[in-house]
Amino acid sequence: MTSTATVFARRYRIALAPRLSRSFVECTSRLIAALSQMTSLRFRAFFDRWLTVHLPGSVAESTEDGYVDTVRLHLIPALGRKRLVKLTV
């Protein structure tokens, strides 16, 4: 099943491809691939990776500890099984 975002991105890329540089088209193709993978990504998997790969070193250690506690104690139990694309504000 193709997501709406993927269909839109493909149409956009095809319509503009003759006028764009090759590198931009390649970047767009990678973005489409990433968006396609995100349709099945669950909240827990996303935040587990964020907590272990992207968070360390980006904030003070005490702030990092607070983020880890909040995500693991409150957010993951409540939203862990939900797909990221199903979450809204």
Protein backbone atom coordinates (compact mmCIF):
# COMPACT_ATOMS: atom_id res chain seq x y z
CA MET A 1 0.00 0.00 0.00
CA THR A 2 1.37 3.40 -0.98
CA SER A 3 0.95 6.29 1.42
CA THR A 4 -0.47 9.63 0.34
CA ALA A 5 2.85 11.34 1.17
CA THR A 6 4.73 8.95 -1.09
CA VAL A 7 2.34 9.45 -4.00
CA PHE A 8 2.51 13.25 -3.63
CA ALA A 9 6.32 13.23 -3.38
CA ARG A 10 6.63 11.05 -6.49
CA ARG A 11 4.32 13.32 -8.47
CA TYR A 12 6.18 16.40 -7.28
CA ARG A 13 9.57 14.90 -8.16
CA ILE A 14 8.42 13.75 -11.62
CA ALA A 15 6.89 17.14 -12.41
CA LEU A 16 10.03 19.07 -11.45
CA ALA A 17 12.74 16.57 -12.43
CA PRO A 18 13.61 18.18 -15.81
CA ARG A 19 14.36 21.51 -14.08
CA LEU A 20 16.24 20.22 -11.04
CA SER A 21 19.81 19.19 -10.47
CA ARG A 22 20.62 15.49 -10.26
CA SER A 23 21.67 15.75 -6.60
CA PHE A 24 18.34 17.29 -5.62
CA VAL A 25 16.44 14.52 -7.37
CA GLU A 26 18.60 11.90 -5.62
CA CYS A 27 17.97 13.54 -2.23
CA THR A 28 14.26 13.60 -2.94
CA SER A 29 14.35 9.90 -3.82
CA ARG A 30 16.05 9.13 -0.50
CA LEU A 31 13.45 11.24 1.31
CA ILE A 32 10.64 9.28 -0.34
CA ALA A 33 12.27 6.02 0.75
CA ALA A 34 12.59 7.31 4.33
CA LEU A 35 8.95 8.44 4.38
CA SER A 36 7.85 5.03 3.15
CA GLN A 37 9.71 3.35 6.02
CA MET A 38 8.21 5.76 8.55
CA THR A 39 4.69 4.61 7.77
CA SER A 40 5.38 1.42 9.70
CA LEU A 41 7.64 2.91 12.39
CA ARG A 42 6.22 2.75 15.88
CA PHE A 43 6.64 5.38 18.61
CA ARG A 44 8.68 3.06 20.84
CA ALA A 45 11.23 2.20 18.12
CA PHE A 46 11.62 5.86 17.16
CA PHE A 47 12.22 7.06 20.72
CA ASP A 48 14.45 4.13 21.66
CA ARG A 49 16.73 5.16 18.80
CA TRP A 50 16.45 8.86 19.66
CA LEU A 51 17.36 8.20 23.30
CA THR A 52 20.40 6.09 22.45
CA VAL A 53 21.74 7.72 19.26
CA HIS A 54 20.66 11.36 18.99
CA LEU A 55 20.16 12.57 22.57
CA PRO A 56 23.49 11.74 24.25
CA GLY A 57 25.86 14.69 24.14
CA SER A 58 23.28 17.10 22.72
CA VAL A 59 22.10 18.36 26.13
CA ALA A 60 23.44 18.51 29.67
CA GLU A 61 23.65 15.15 31.45
CA SER A 62 20.95 16.07 33.99
CA THR A 63 18.62 17.18 31.17
CA GLU A 64 19.31 13.94 29.33
CA ASP A 65 18.43 11.94 32.46
CA GLY A 66 15.14 13.83 32.76
CA TYR A 67 14.27 13.20 29.10
CA VAL A 68 15.06 9.51 29.40
CA ASP A 69 12.91 9.17 32.52
CA THR A 70 9.99 11.06 30.97
CA VAL A 71 10.04 9.07 27.75
CA ARG A 72 10.47 5.66 29.40
CA LEU A 73 8.05 6.19 32.32
CA HIS A 74 5.27 8.18 30.64
CA LEU A 75 5.41 8.39 26.86
CA ILE A 76 6.39 4.86 25.87
CA PRO A 77 3.80 3.16 28.12
CA ALA A 78 1.07 5.43 26.73
CA LEU A 79 2.09 5.64 23.06
CA GLY A 80 4.68 2.91 22.48
CA ARG A 81 2.60 0.70 20.16
CA LYS A 82 1.20 3.54 18.03
CA ARG A 83 2.55 4.15 14.56
CA LEU A 84 4.19 7.57 14.21
CA VAL A 85 2.04 8.45 11.20
CA LYS A 86 -1.12 7.92 13.29
CA LEU A 87 -0.13 10.47 15.95
CA THR A 88 -1.52 13.98 15.75
CA VAL A 89 -1.14 17.07 17.87
